[in-house]
């Protein structure tokens, strides 16, 4: 799905007047004037920034319409799932803005947008990947933060999100748990009230979201054009672009982590538990007093270190295969959730 979009649409429209910023030289001669974007509020919390560029001499009309924001959240009220049909999304956004902005979208402009005849300044593309559980999603993020990198350098992890090129002016990648983001309670990430009882939240629980951000300099490089259009980008393919940049993430095949059980254990017995899981006879490496003390503590967690660890009876694993996600295909939107996206 498309999670953020900055576009410029060639479209004669009634000027959106929200003031401007003017620069003067030392002699008081005007050098340039830049319009200030106006925020249009959707039916939900999300807003979209819009302004008119290339103003006519009479200052009544603009020739270029600048739009920036999260179109999916603006139109749907959530960005858990959505469409990666770039042209359709842009058209639906333009049509939604028209009544409040005071302009009409003519048939020619609609056809132009559906054909990709507008300029792209930024686009965020993301896909969901399914892992066995929420714990696996969190473990994958932690592991990726330790054992992966790109040409930007080492990844960074902040508030449960792993970033690659977080401050790059060209492109960036990030991975996070959408479930944790929603449940974190931060304004702008919560589900709107009318969706609280929908199946959307449950869908996110075991999903890893990976997100690619492509900014203007990188889009120019990709298309070999100073003013890249949606048509040029779509000729390459959004999923193809996503996969190309995803393949640039250098990841260790596997990384060992504390498993879910270990995270719940008292720190004093975690080492003993780790040795037992690896097949050691911990009775032979611990003093008699320590062994029985640790055995008593671990029995409370249904773990008996006096018996050999049987991997066949324990589905948990402390090896997280990072590359597994890269080799997987993005999760398709289930049929019962299709009514929650833009059409």
C-alpha atoms as a PDB file:
ATOM      1  CA  UNK A   1       0.000   0.000   0.000  1.00  0.00           C
ATOM      2  CA  UNK A   2       0.953   3.662  -0.345  1.00  0.00           C
ATOM      3  CA  UNK A   3       1.402   5.352   3.014  1.00  0.00           C
ATOM      4  CA  UNK A   4       2.540   8.862   2.049  1.00  0.00           C
ATOM      5  CA  UNK A   5       2.418  10.854  -1.149  1.00  0.00           C
ATOM      6  CA  UNK A   6       3.673  14.222  -2.336  1.00  0.00           C
ATOM      7  CA  UNK A   7       2.453  15.036  -5.841  1.00  0.00           C
ATOM      8  CA  UNK A   8       2.075  18.030  -8.148  1.00  0.00           C
ATOM      9  CA  UNK A   9      -0.897  17.852 -10.508  1.00  0.00           C
ATOM     10  CA  UNK A  10      -1.118  20.073 -13.631  1.00  0.00           C
ATOM     11  CA  UNK A  11      -4.632  21.354 -13.167  1.00  0.00           C
ATOM     12  CA  UNK A  12      -6.167  24.808 -13.586  1.00  0.00           C
ATOM     13  CA  UNK A  13      -8.149  25.392 -10.429  1.00  0.00           C
ATOM     14  CA  UNK A  14      -9.479  28.132  -8.206  1.00  0.00           C
ATOM     15  CA  UNK A  15      -6.482  29.294  -6.197  1.00  0.00           C
ATOM     16  CA  UNK A  16      -6.139  28.038  -2.645  1.00  0.00           C
ATOM     17  CA  UNK A  17      -5.229  31.192  -0.768  1.00  0.00           C
ATOM     18  CA  UNK A  18      -3.473  30.555   2.514  1.00  0.00           C
ATOM     19  CA  UNK A  19      -0.969  33.384   2.300  1.00  0.00           C
ATOM     20  CA  UNK A  20       2.605  33.120   1.195  1.00  0.00           C
ATOM     21  CA  UNK A  21       6.243  33.856   1.914  1.00  0.00           C
ATOM     22  CA  UNK A  22       8.006  36.521  -0.157  1.00  0.00           C
ATOM     23  CA  UNK A  23      11.749  37.124  -0.410  1.00  0.00           C
ATOM     24  CA  UNK A  24      13.228  40.546  -1.260  1.00  0.00           C
ATOM     25  CA  UNK A  25      16.776  41.469  -2.212  1.00  0.00           C
ATOM     26  CA  UNK A  26      18.793  44.204  -0.502  1.00  0.00           C
ATOM     27  CA  UNK A  27      17.220  46.852  -2.764  1.00  0.00           C
ATOM     28  CA  UNK A  28      13.700  45.844  -1.780  1.00  0.00           C
ATOM     29  CA  UNK A  29      12.969  44.123  -5.090  1.00  0.00           C
ATOM     30  CA  UNK A  30      10.842  41.018  -4.833  1.00  0.00           C
ATOM     31  CA  UNK A  31      12.830  37.892  -5.716  1.00  0.00           C
ATOM     32  CA  UNK A  32      10.254  35.150  -5.258  1.00  0.00           C
ATOM     33  CA  UNK A  33       6.983  34.303  -3.554  1.00  0.00           C
ATOM     34  CA  UNK A  34       6.077  30.855  -2.265  1.00  0.00           C
ATOM     35  CA  UNK A  35       2.544  29.861  -1.350  1.00  0.00           C
ATOM     36  CA  UNK A  36       1.883  28.448   2.117  1.00  0.00           C
ATOM     37  CA  UNK A  37       0.116  25.090   2.154  1.00  0.00           C
ATOM     38  CA  UNK A  38      -3.320  24.823   3.721  1.00  0.00           C
ATOM     39  CA  UNK A  39      -4.292  21.823   5.846  1.00  0.00           C
ATOM     40  CA  UNK A  40      -7.530  20.092   4.883  1.00  0.00           C
ATOM     41  CA  UNK A  41      -8.962  17.830   7.548  1.00  0.00           C
ATOM     42  CA  UNK A  42     -10.457  14.503   6.527  1.00  0.00           C
ATOM     43  CA  UNK A  43     -13.378  12.772   8.187  1.00  0.00           C
ATOM     44  CA  UNK A  44     -10.859  11.351  10.675  1.00  0.00           C
ATOM     45  CA  UNK A  45      -7.739  12.678  12.454  1.00  0.00           C
ATOM     46  CA  UNK A  46      -5.510  12.832   9.388  1.00  0.00           C
ATOM     47  CA  UNK A  47      -5.007  15.998   7.342  1.00  0.00           C
ATOM     48  CA  UNK A  48      -3.561  16.743   3.905  1.00  0.00           C
ATOM     49  CA  UNK A  49      -1.425  19.766   2.968  1.00  0.00           C
ATOM     50  CA  UNK A  50      -2.521  21.501  -0.250  1.00  0.00           C
ATOM     51  CA  UNK A  51      -1.375  24.645  -2.058  1.00  0.00           C
ATOM     52  CA  UNK A  52      -1.596  26.313  -5.463  1.00  0.00           C
ATOM     53  CA  UNK A  53       1.554  26.911  -7.486  1.00  0.00           C
ATOM     54  CA  UNK A  54       2.165  28.775 -10.740  1.00  0.00           C
ATOM     55  CA  UNK A  55      -0.458  31.441  -9.976  1.00  0.00           C
ATOM     56  CA  UNK A  56      -2.019  33.341 -12.887  1.00  0.00           C
ATOM     57  CA  UNK A  57      -1.509  37.103 -13.179  1.00  0.00           C
ATOM     58  CA  UNK A  58      -5.034  37.784 -11.988  1.00  0.00           C
ATOM     59  CA  UNK A  59      -4.191  35.632  -8.926  1.00  0.00           C
ATOM     60  CA  UNK A  60      -7.522  33.855  -9.175  1.00  0.00           C
ATOM     61  CA  UNK A  61      -6.263  30.543 -10.471  1.00  0.00           C
ATOM     62  CA  UNK A  62      -3.404  28.143  -9.962  1.00  0.00           C
ATOM     63  CA  UNK A  63      -1.975  25.968 -12.720  1.00  0.00           C
ATOM     64  CA  UNK A  64      -0.298  23.379 -10.471  1.00  0.00           C
ATOM     65  CA  UNK A  65      -1.870  21.752  -7.424  1.00  0.00           C
ATOM     66  CA  UNK A  66       0.541  20.570  -4.720  1.00  0.00           C
ATOM     67  CA  UNK A  67      -0.730  17.796  -2.397  1.00  0.00           C
ATOM     68  CA  UNK A  68       1.216  16.174   0.438  1.00  0.00           C
ATOM     69  CA  UNK A  69       0.218  13.784   3.210  1.00  0.00           C
ATOM     70  CA  UNK A  70      -1.054  10.311   3.965  1.00  0.00           C
ATOM     71  CA  UNK A  71      -3.809   9.719   1.403  1.00  0.00           C
ATOM     72  CA  UNK A  72      -4.730   6.281   2.757  1.00  0.00           C
ATOM     73  CA  UNK A  73      -5.343   7.491   6.300  1.00  0.00           C
ATOM     74  CA  UNK A  74      -7.091  10.642   5.016  1.00  0.00           C
ATOM     75  CA  UNK A  75      -9.551   8.618   2.947  1.00  0.00           C
ATOM     76  CA  UNK A  76      -9.986   5.497   5.098  1.00  0.00           C
ATOM     77  CA  UNK A  77      -9.335   6.685   8.643  1.00  0.00           C
ATOM     78  CA  UNK A  78      -6.626   4.016   9.030  1.00  0.00           C
ATOM     79  CA  UNK A  79      -3.533   2.797   7.214  1.00  0.00           C
ATOM     80  CA  UNK A  80      -3.482  -0.802   8.362  1.00  0.00           C
ATOM     81  CA  UNK A  81      -4.244  -1.978   4.848  1.00  0.00           C
ATOM     82  CA  UNK A  82      -4.775  -0.086   1.629  1.00  0.00           C
ATOM     83  CA  UNK A  83      -4.154   0.037  -2.092  1.00  0.00           C
ATOM     84  CA  UNK A  84      -0.942   0.382  -4.071  1.00  0.00           C
ATOM     85  CA  UNK A  85      -2.909   1.600  -7.103  1.00  0.00           C
ATOM     86  CA  UNK A  86      -1.133   4.955  -7.233  1.00  0.00           C
ATOM     87  CA  UNK A  87      -3.291   6.636  -9.866  1.00  0.00           C
ATOM     88  CA  UNK A  88      -6.603   5.550  -8.351  1.00  0.00           C
ATOM     89  CA  UNK A  89      -5.496   6.708  -4.893  1.00  0.00           C
ATOM     90  CA  UNK A  90      -4.402  10.106  -6.228  1.00  0.00           C
ATOM     91  CA  UNK A  91      -7.700  10.573  -8.062  1.00  0.00           C
ATOM     92  CA  UNK A  92      -9.786   9.619  -5.009  1.00  0.00           C
ATOM     93  CA  UNK A  93      -7.753  12.064  -2.935  1.00  0.00           C
ATOM     94  CA  UNK A  94      -8.237  14.864  -5.467  1.00  0.00           C
ATOM     95  CA  UNK A  95     -11.980  14.214  -5.594  1.00  0.00           C
ATOM     96  CA  UNK A  96     -12.220  14.185  -1.783  1.00  0.00           C
ATOM     97  CA  UNK A  97     -10.413  17.530  -1.520  1.00  0.00           C
ATOM     98  CA  UNK A  98     -12.410  19.281  -4.248  1.00  0.00           C
ATOM     99  CA  UNK A  99     -15.602  20.256  -2.316  1.00  0.00           C
ATOM    100  CA  UNK A 100     -13.779  21.804   0.639  1.00  0.00           C
ATOM    101  CA  UNK A 101     -11.059  23.406  -1.508  1.00  0.00           C
ATOM    102  CA  UNK A 102     -13.655  24.980  -3.767  1.00  0.00           C
ATOM    103  CA  UNK A 103     -12.714  23.555  -7.149  1.00  0.00           C
ATOM    104  CA  UNK A 104     -14.137  20.961  -9.521  1.00  0.00           C
ATOM    105  CA  UNK A 105     -12.210  18.113 -11.105  1.00  0.00           C
ATOM    106  CA  UNK A 106     -12.978  18.048 -14.811  1.00  0.00           C
ATOM    107  CA  UNK A 107     -13.036  14.913 -16.947  1.00  0.00           C
ATOM    108  CA  UNK A 108      -9.739  15.788 -18.656  1.00  0.00           C
ATOM    109  CA  UNK A 109      -7.908  16.060 -15.327  1.00  0.00           C
ATOM    110  CA  UNK A 110      -9.401  12.784 -14.109  1.00  0.00           C
ATOM    111  CA  UNK A 111      -8.177  11.061 -17.269  1.00  0.00           C
ATOM    112  CA  UNK A 112      -4.740  12.652 -16.884  1.00  0.00           C
ATOM    113  CA  UNK A 113      -4.406  11.410 -13.299  1.00  0.00           C
ATOM    114  CA  UNK A 114      -5.546   7.896 -14.176  1.00  0.00           C
ATOM    115  CA  UNK A 115      -2.884   7.902 -16.893  1.00  0.00           C
ATOM    116  CA  UNK A 116      -0.169   8.967 -14.446  1.00  0.00           C
ATOM    117  CA  UNK A 117       0.324  12.407 -15.974  1.00  0.00           C
ATOM    118  CA  UNK A 118       1.368  14.189 -12.766  1.00  0.00           C
ATOM    119  CA  UNK A 119       4.622  14.663 -10.881  1.00  0.00           C
ATOM    120  CA  UNK A 120       5.868  12.636  -7.898  1.00  0.00           C
ATOM    121  CA  UNK A 121       8.029  14.302  -5.233  1.00  0.00           C
ATOM    122  CA  UNK A 122       7.822  11.623  -2.534  1.00  0.00           C
ATOM    123  CA  UNK A 123       6.206   8.233  -2.102  1.00  0.00           C
ATOM    124  CA  UNK A 124       6.170   5.756   0.802  1.00  0.00           C
ATOM    125  CA  UNK A 125       5.464   2.144  -0.177  1.00  0.00           C
ATOM    126  CA  UNK A 126       4.899  -0.591   2.371  1.00  0.00           C
ATOM    127  CA  UNK A 127       3.919  -4.225   2.535  1.00  0.00           C
ATOM    128  CA  UNK A 128       3.018  -6.593   5.388  1.00  0.00           C
ATOM    129  CA  UNK A 129       4.890  -9.834   6.071  1.00  0.00           C
ATOM    130  CA  UNK A 130       3.465 -12.586   8.242  1.00  0.00           C
ATOM    131  CA  UNK A 131       5.404 -14.213  11.080  1.00  0.00           C
ATOM    132  CA  UNK A 132       4.188 -16.919  13.485  1.00  0.00           C
ATOM    133  CA  UNK A 133       3.397 -14.538  16.357  1.00  0.00           C
ATOM    134  CA  UNK A 134       3.697 -11.018  17.720  1.00  0.00           C
ATOM    135  CA  UNK A 135       6.728 -12.168  19.702  1.00  0.00           C
ATOM    136  CA  UNK A 136       8.411 -13.244  16.449  1.00  0.00           C
ATOM    137  CA  UNK A 137       7.741  -9.819  14.937  1.00  0.00           C
ATOM    138  CA  UNK A 138       9.351  -8.080  17.906  1.00  0.00           C
ATOM    139  CA  UNK A 139      12.255 -10.543  17.874  1.00  0.00           C
ATOM    140  CA  UNK A 140      12.819  -9.967  14.151  1.00  0.00           C
ATOM    141  CA  UNK A 141      12.973  -6.191  14.686  1.00  0.00           C
ATOM    142  CA  UNK A 142      15.460  -6.556  17.555  1.00  0.00           C
ATOM    143  CA  UNK A 143      17.585  -8.968  15.523  1.00  0.00           C
ATOM    144  CA  UNK A 144      17.535  -6.754  12.437  1.00  0.00           C
ATOM    145  CA  UNK A 145      18.716  -3.865  14.587  1.00  0.00           C
ATOM    146  CA  UNK A 146      21.779  -5.903  15.624  1.00  0.00           C
ATOM    147  CA  UNK A 147      22.560  -7.900  12.506  1.00  0.00           C
ATOM    148  CA  UNK A 148      21.696  -5.863   9.415  1.00  0.00           C
ATOM    149  CA  UNK A 149      22.903  -2.853   7.470  1.00  0.00           C
ATOM    150  CA  UNK A 150      22.678  -1.064   4.115  1.00  0.00           C
ATOM    151  CA  UNK A 151      25.018   1.268   2.254  1.00  0.00           C
ATOM    152  CA  UNK A 152      23.676   3.923   4.652  1.00  0.00           C
ATOM    153  CA  UNK A 153      25.485   2.017   7.407  1.00  0.00           C
ATOM    154  CA  UNK A 154      24.248   0.148  10.471  1.00  0.00           C
ATOM    155  CA  UNK A 155      20.557   0.076  11.244  1.00  0.00           C
ATOM    156  CA  UNK A 156      19.158   1.840  14.301  1.00  0.00           C
ATOM    157  CA  UNK A 157      16.292   0.813  16.552  1.00  0.00           C
ATOM    158  CA  UNK A 158      14.072   3.381  18.240  1.00  0.00           C
ATOM    159  CA  UNK A 159      10.792   2.743  20.057  1.00  0.00           C
ATOM    160  CA  UNK A 160      10.304  -0.663  18.453  1.00  0.00           C
ATOM    161  CA  UNK A 161      11.131   0.433  14.892  1.00  0.00           C
ATOM    162  CA  UNK A 162      14.271  -0.535  12.994  1.00  0.00           C
ATOM    163  CA  UNK A 163      15.507   2.195  10.611  1.00  0.00           C
ATOM    164  CA  UNK A 164      17.869   2.187   7.654  1.00  0.00           C
ATOM    165  CA  UNK A 165      18.923   5.636   6.436  1.00  0.00           C
ATOM    166  CA  UNK A 166      16.517   7.321   8.850  1.00  0.00           C
ATOM    167  CA  UNK A 167      17.811  10.820   8.065  1.00  0.00           C
ATOM    168  CA  UNK A 168      18.745  10.271   4.421  1.00  0.00           C
ATOM    169  CA  UNK A 169      17.518  12.851   1.904  1.00  0.00           C
ATOM    170  CA  UNK A 170      17.273  10.167  -0.787  1.00  0.00           C
ATOM    171  CA  UNK A 171      15.708   6.940   0.487  1.00  0.00           C
ATOM    172  CA  UNK A 172      15.060   5.088   3.724  1.00  0.00           C
ATOM    173  CA  UNK A 173      13.650   1.799   4.962  1.00  0.00           C
ATOM    174  CA  UNK A 174      12.014   0.878   8.247  1.00  0.00           C
ATOM    175  CA  UNK A 175      10.362  -2.120   9.855  1.00  0.00           C
ATOM    176  CA  UNK A 176       7.915  -2.214  12.751  1.00  0.00           C
ATOM    177  CA  UNK A 177       4.932  -3.933  14.293  1.00  0.00           C
ATOM    178  CA  UNK A 178       1.736  -2.208  13.214  1.00  0.00           C
ATOM    179  CA  UNK A 179      -0.051  -3.859  16.128  1.00  0.00           C
ATOM    180  CA  UNK A 180       2.358  -2.315  18.643  1.00  0.00           C
ATOM    181  CA  UNK A 181       2.083   1.055  16.902  1.00  0.00           C
ATOM    182  CA  UNK A 182      -1.703   1.042  17.214  1.00  0.00           C
ATOM    183  CA  UNK A 183      -1.690  -0.221  20.783  1.00  0.00           C
ATOM    184  CA  UNK A 184       0.942   2.339  21.779  1.00  0.00           C
ATOM    185  CA  UNK A 185      -1.818   4.912  22.065  1.00  0.00           C
ATOM    186  CA  UNK A 186      -0.018   7.803  20.353  1.00  0.00           C
ATOM    187  CA  UNK A 187      -2.318  10.308  18.687  1.00  0.00           C
ATOM    188  CA  UNK A 188      -2.518   9.726  14.961  1.00  0.00           C
ATOM    189  CA  UNK A 189      -1.864   5.993  15.252  1.00  0.00           C
ATOM    190  CA  UNK A 190      -4.997   4.937  17.110  1.00  0.00           C
ATOM    191  CA  UNK A 191      -7.888   3.294  15.309  1.00  0.00           C
ATOM    192  CA  UNK A 192     -10.914   5.585  14.961  1.00  0.00           C
ATOM    193  CA  UNK A 193     -13.824   4.609  17.254  1.00  0.00           C
ATOM    194  CA  UNK A 194     -15.969   3.143  14.481  1.00  0.00           C
ATOM    195  CA  UNK A 195     -13.216   0.598  13.663  1.00  0.00           C
ATOM    196  CA  UNK A 196     -12.450  -0.573  17.196  1.00  0.00           C
ATOM    197  CA  UNK A 197     -14.664  -3.653  16.816  1.00  0.00           C
ATOM    198  CA  UNK A 198     -13.503  -4.428  13.273  1.00  0.00           C
ATOM    199  CA  UNK A 199     -11.172  -7.354  12.419  1.00  0.00           C
ATOM    200  CA  UNK A 200      -8.399  -4.930  11.432  1.00  0.00           C
ATOM    201  CA  UNK A 201      -6.566  -4.980  14.760  1.00  0.00           C
ATOM    202  CA  UNK A 202      -6.464  -8.780  14.968  1.00  0.00           C
ATOM    203  CA  UNK A 203      -5.081  -8.896  11.421  1.00  0.00           C
ATOM    204  CA  UNK A 204      -2.016  -6.870  12.446  1.00  0.00           C
ATOM    205  CA  UNK A 205      -1.006  -8.949  15.451  1.00  0.00           C
ATOM    206  CA  UNK A 206       1.531 -11.222  13.756  1.00  0.00           C
ATOM    207  CA  UNK A 207       2.457  -8.896  10.883  1.00  0.00           C
ATOM    208  CA  UNK A 208       5.765  -7.178  10.251  1.00  0.00           C
ATOM    209  CA  UNK A 209       5.424  -3.981   8.218  1.00  0.00           C
ATOM    210  CA  UNK A 210       8.343  -2.969   6.029  1.00  0.00           C
ATOM    211  CA  UNK A 211       8.219   0.521   4.548  1.00  0.00           C
ATOM    212  CA  UNK A 212      10.253   2.169   1.779  1.00  0.00           C
ATOM    213  CA  UNK A 213      10.519   5.967   1.570  1.00  0.00           C
ATOM    214  CA  UNK A 214      11.584   7.433  -1.783  1.00  0.00           C
ATOM    215  CA  UNK A 215      12.290  11.185  -1.798  1.00  0.00           C
ATOM    216  CA  UNK A 216      12.719  13.598  -4.705  1.00  0.00           C
ATOM    217  CA  UNK A 217      16.485  13.140  -5.371  1.00  0.00           C
ATOM    218  CA  UNK A 218      16.116   9.354  -5.467  1.00  0.00           C
ATOM    219  CA  UNK A 219      13.016   9.511  -7.660  1.00  0.00           C
ATOM    220  CA  UNK A 220      14.962  11.656 -10.144  1.00  0.00           C
ATOM    221  CA  UNK A 221      17.730   9.065 -10.172  1.00  0.00           C
ATOM    222  CA  UNK A 222      15.322   6.149 -10.616  1.00  0.00           C
ATOM    223  CA  UNK A 223      13.497   7.736 -13.557  1.00  0.00           C
ATOM    224  CA  UNK A 224      16.475   9.670 -14.957  1.00  0.00           C
ATOM    225  CA  UNK A 225      14.232  12.738 -15.102  1.00  0.00           C
ATOM    226  CA  UNK A 226      14.310  16.062 -13.236  1.00  0.00           C
ATOM    227  CA  UNK A 227      10.509  15.975 -12.956  1.00  0.00           C
ATOM    228  CA  UNK A 228       9.548  12.328 -12.534  1.00  0.00           C
ATOM    229  CA  UNK A 229       5.946  11.435 -13.232  1.00  0.00           C
ATOM    230  CA  UNK A 230       3.718   8.726 -11.822  1.00  0.00           C
ATOM    231  CA  UNK A 231       3.621   7.169 -15.283  1.00  0.00           C
ATOM    232  CA  UNK A 232       7.413   6.726 -15.272  1.00  0.00           C
ATOM    233  CA  UNK A 233       7.374   5.235 -11.786  1.00  0.00           C
ATOM    234  CA  UNK A 234       4.573   2.824 -12.602  1.00  0.00           C
ATOM    235  CA  UNK A 235       6.406   1.681 -15.727  1.00  0.00           C
ATOM    236  CA  UNK A 236       9.070   0.319 -13.358  1.00  0.00           C
ATOM    237  CA  UNK A 237       6.479  -1.034 -10.893  1.00  0.00           C
ATOM    238  CA  UNK A 238       5.982  -0.150  -7.230  1.00  0.00           C
ATOM    239  CA  UNK A 239       6.417  -3.676  -5.914  1.00  0.00           C
ATOM    240  CA  UNK A 240       9.479  -4.149  -8.118  1.00  0.00           C
ATOM    241  CA  UNK A 241      10.977  -0.966  -6.660  1.00  0.00           C
ATOM    242  CA  UNK A 242      10.140  -2.109  -3.140  1.00  0.00           C
ATOM    243  CA  UNK A 243      11.791  -5.496  -3.692  1.00  0.00           C
ATOM    244  CA  UNK A 244      14.866  -3.873  -5.248  1.00  0.00           C
ATOM    245  CA  UNK A 245      15.516  -1.682  -2.213  1.00  0.00           C
ATOM    246  CA  UNK A 246      14.601  -4.482   0.175  1.00  0.00           C
ATOM    247  CA  UNK A 247      17.300  -6.615  -1.441  1.00  0.00           C
ATOM    248  CA  UNK A 248      19.856  -3.947  -0.498  1.00  0.00           C
ATOM    249  CA  UNK A 249      19.446  -4.796   3.170  1.00  0.00           C
ATOM    250  CA  UNK A 250      22.419  -6.930   4.178  1.00  0.00           C
ATOM    251  CA  UNK A 251      21.287  -9.394   6.816  1.00  0.00           C
ATOM    252  CA  UNK A 252      22.873 -12.232   8.699  1.00  0.00           C
ATOM    253  CA  UNK A 253      20.978 -15.411   7.874  1.00  0.00           C
ATOM    254  CA  UNK A 254      20.258 -16.229  11.519  1.00  0.00           C
ATOM    255  CA  UNK A 255      20.727 -14.612  14.884  1.00  0.00           C
ATOM    256  CA  UNK A 256      20.302 -16.163  18.321  1.00  0.00           C
ATOM    257  CA  UNK A 257      18.021 -14.349  20.735  1.00  0.00           C
ATOM    258  CA  UNK A 258      16.523 -14.997  24.103  1.00  0.00           C
ATOM    259  CA  UNK A 259      13.366 -16.972  23.514  1.00  0.00           C
ATOM    260  CA  UNK A 260       9.959 -15.942  24.837  1.00  0.00           C
ATOM    261  CA  UNK A 261      10.235 -18.107  27.947  1.00  0.00           C
ATOM    262  CA  UNK A 262      13.620 -16.684  28.874  1.00  0.00           C
ATOM    263  CA  UNK A 263      12.236 -13.156  28.764  1.00  0.00           C
ATOM    264  CA  UNK A 264       9.861 -14.097  31.597  1.00  0.00           C
ATOM    265  CA  UNK A 265      12.442 -15.777  33.828  1.00  0.00           C
ATOM    266  CA  UNK A 266      14.267 -14.157  36.768  1.00  0.00           C
ATOM    267  CA  UNK A 267      17.699 -12.986  35.665  1.00  0.00           C
ATOM    268  CA  UNK A 268      19.426 -15.284  38.174  1.00  0.00           C
ATOM    269  CA  UNK A 269      18.243 -18.460  36.404  1.00  0.00           C
ATOM    270  CA  UNK A 270      18.378 -17.333  32.764  1.00  0.00           C
ATOM    271  CA  UNK A 271      21.926 -18.665  32.268  1.00  0.00           C
ATOM    272  CA  UNK A 272      20.996 -22.044  33.676  1.00  0.00           C
ATOM    273  CA  UNK A 273      17.928 -22.217  31.448  1.00  0.00           C
ATOM    274  CA  UNK A 274      19.987 -21.278  28.366  1.00  0.00           C
ATOM    275  CA  UNK A 275      22.527 -24.052  29.080  1.00  0.00           C
ATOM    276  CA  UNK A 276      19.736 -26.593  29.647  1.00  0.00           C
ATOM    277  CA  UNK A 277      18.094 -25.639  26.326  1.00  0.00           C
ATOM    278  CA  UNK A 278      21.396 -26.231  24.540  1.00  0.00           C
ATOM    279  CA  UNK A 279      21.468 -29.812  25.839  1.00  0.00           C
ATOM    280  CA  UNK A 280      23.922 -29.464  28.735  1.00  0.00           C
ATOM    281  CA  UNK A 281      23.487 -31.527  31.886  1.00  0.00           C
ATOM    282  CA  UNK A 282      23.324 -28.507  34.185  1.00  0.00           C
ATOM    283  CA  UNK A 283      23.674 -30.785  37.243  1.00  0.00           C
ATOM    284  CA  UNK A 284      27.318 -31.300  36.219  1.00  0.00           C
ATOM    285  CA  UNK A 285      28.151 -27.587  35.858  1.00  0.00           C
ATOM    286  CA  UNK A 286      26.343 -26.181  38.915  1.00  0.00           C
ATOM    287  CA  UNK A 287      26.973 -26.762  42.579  1.00  0.00           C
ATOM    288  CA  UNK A 288      24.451 -29.012  44.282  1.00  0.00           C
ATOM    289  CA  UNK A 289      22.915 -26.113  46.221  1.00  0.00           C
ATOM    290  CA  UNK A 290      22.670 -23.879  43.128  1.00  0.00           C
ATOM    291  CA  UNK A 291      21.195 -26.670  41.030  1.00  0.00           C
ATOM    292  CA  UNK A 292      18.365 -27.369  43.484  1.00  0.00           C
ATOM    293  CA  UNK A 293      17.728 -23.677  44.062  1.00  0.00           C
ATOM    294  CA  UNK A 294      17.460 -23.024  40.298  1.00  0.00           C
ATOM    295  CA  UNK A 295      15.391 -26.168  39.830  1.00  0.00           C
ATOM    296  CA  UNK A 296      12.893 -24.915  42.404  1.00  0.00           C
ATOM    297  CA  UNK A 297      12.709 -21.478  40.763  1.00  0.00           C
ATOM    298  CA  UNK A 298      12.236 -22.917  37.248  1.00  0.00           C
ATOM    299  CA  UNK A 299       9.587 -25.454  38.271  1.00  0.00           C
ATOM    300  CA  UNK A 300       7.287 -22.450  38.791  1.00  0.00           C
ATOM    301  CA  UNK A 301       7.557 -21.933  35.021  1.00  0.00           C
ATOM    302  CA  UNK A 302       6.865 -25.616  34.234  1.00  0.00           C
ATOM    303  CA  UNK A 303      10.562 -26.193  33.454  1.00  0.00           C
ATOM    304  CA  UNK A 304      12.297 -29.219  34.997  1.00  0.00           C
ATOM    305  CA  UNK A 305      16.055 -28.990  34.496  1.00  0.00           C
ATOM    306  CA  UNK A 306      16.556 -32.424  36.070  1.00  0.00           C
ATOM    307  CA  UNK A 307      15.208 -33.897  32.819  1.00  0.00           C
ATOM    308  CA  UNK A 308      16.908 -33.533  29.405  1.00  0.00           C
ATOM    309  CA  UNK A 309      15.585 -30.746  27.204  1.00  0.00           C
ATOM    310  CA  UNK A 310      13.388 -32.257  24.472  1.00  0.00           C
ATOM    311  CA  UNK A 311      13.328 -29.918  21.486  1.00  0.00           C
ATOM    312  CA  UNK A 312      10.529 -31.979  19.906  1.00  0.00           C
ATOM    313  CA  UNK A 313       8.162 -31.049  22.709  1.00  0.00           C
ATOM    314  CA  UNK A 314       8.993 -27.379  22.734  1.00  0.00           C
ATOM    315  CA  UNK A 315       7.951 -25.335  19.699  1.00  0.00           C
ATOM    316  CA  UNK A 316       9.828 -22.217  20.816  1.00  0.00           C
ATOM    317  CA  UNK A 317      13.129 -21.448  19.138  1.00  0.00           C
ATOM    318  CA  UNK A 318      15.748 -18.868  19.948  1.00  0.00           C
ATOM    319  CA  UNK A 319      17.001 -18.691  16.371  1.00  0.00           C
ATOM    320  CA  UNK A 320      15.346 -15.977  14.292  1.00  0.00           C
ATOM    321  CA  UNK A 321      15.889 -16.378  10.533  1.00  0.00           C
ATOM    322  CA  UNK A 322      16.097 -12.782   9.274  1.00  0.00           C
ATOM    323  CA  UNK A 323      16.349 -13.698   5.618  1.00  0.00           C
ATOM    324  CA  UNK A 324      13.124 -15.705   5.814  1.00  0.00           C
ATOM    325  CA  UNK A 325      11.117 -12.500   5.618  1.00  0.00           C
ATOM    326  CA  UNK A 326      13.076 -11.259   2.621  1.00  0.00           C
ATOM    327  CA  UNK A 327      12.306 -14.465   0.763  1.00  0.00           C
ATOM    328  CA  UNK A 328       8.612 -14.352   1.599  1.00  0.00           C
ATOM    329  CA  UNK A 329       5.878 -12.669  -0.375  1.00  0.00           C
ATOM    330  CA  UNK A 330       3.905  -9.775   1.106  1.00  0.00           C
ATOM    331  CA  UNK A 331       0.658 -10.792   2.789  1.00  0.00           C
ATOM    332  CA  UNK A 332      -2.407 -10.467   0.568  1.00  0.00           C
ATOM    333  CA  UNK A 333      -5.387  -8.576   1.993  1.00  0.00           C
ATOM    334  CA  UNK A 334      -7.966 -11.105   3.240  1.00  0.00           C
ATOM    335  CA  UNK A 335     -11.350 -11.038   1.530  1.00  0.00           C
ATOM    336  CA  UNK A 336     -13.155 -10.006   4.707  1.00  0.00           C
ATOM    337  CA  UNK A 337     -11.032  -6.821   4.928  1.00  0.00           C
ATOM    338  CA  UNK A 338     -11.427  -5.605   1.352  1.00  0.00           C
ATOM    339  CA  UNK A 339     -14.346  -3.369   2.323  1.00  0.00           C
ATOM    340  CA  UNK A 340     -11.983  -1.307   4.506  1.00  0.00           C
ATOM    341  CA  UNK A 341      -9.823   0.013   1.646  1.00  0.00           C
ATOM    342  CA  UNK A 342     -10.182   2.624  -1.103  1.00  0.00           C
ATOM    343  CA  UNK A 343     -11.839   1.432  -4.312  1.00  0.00           C
END
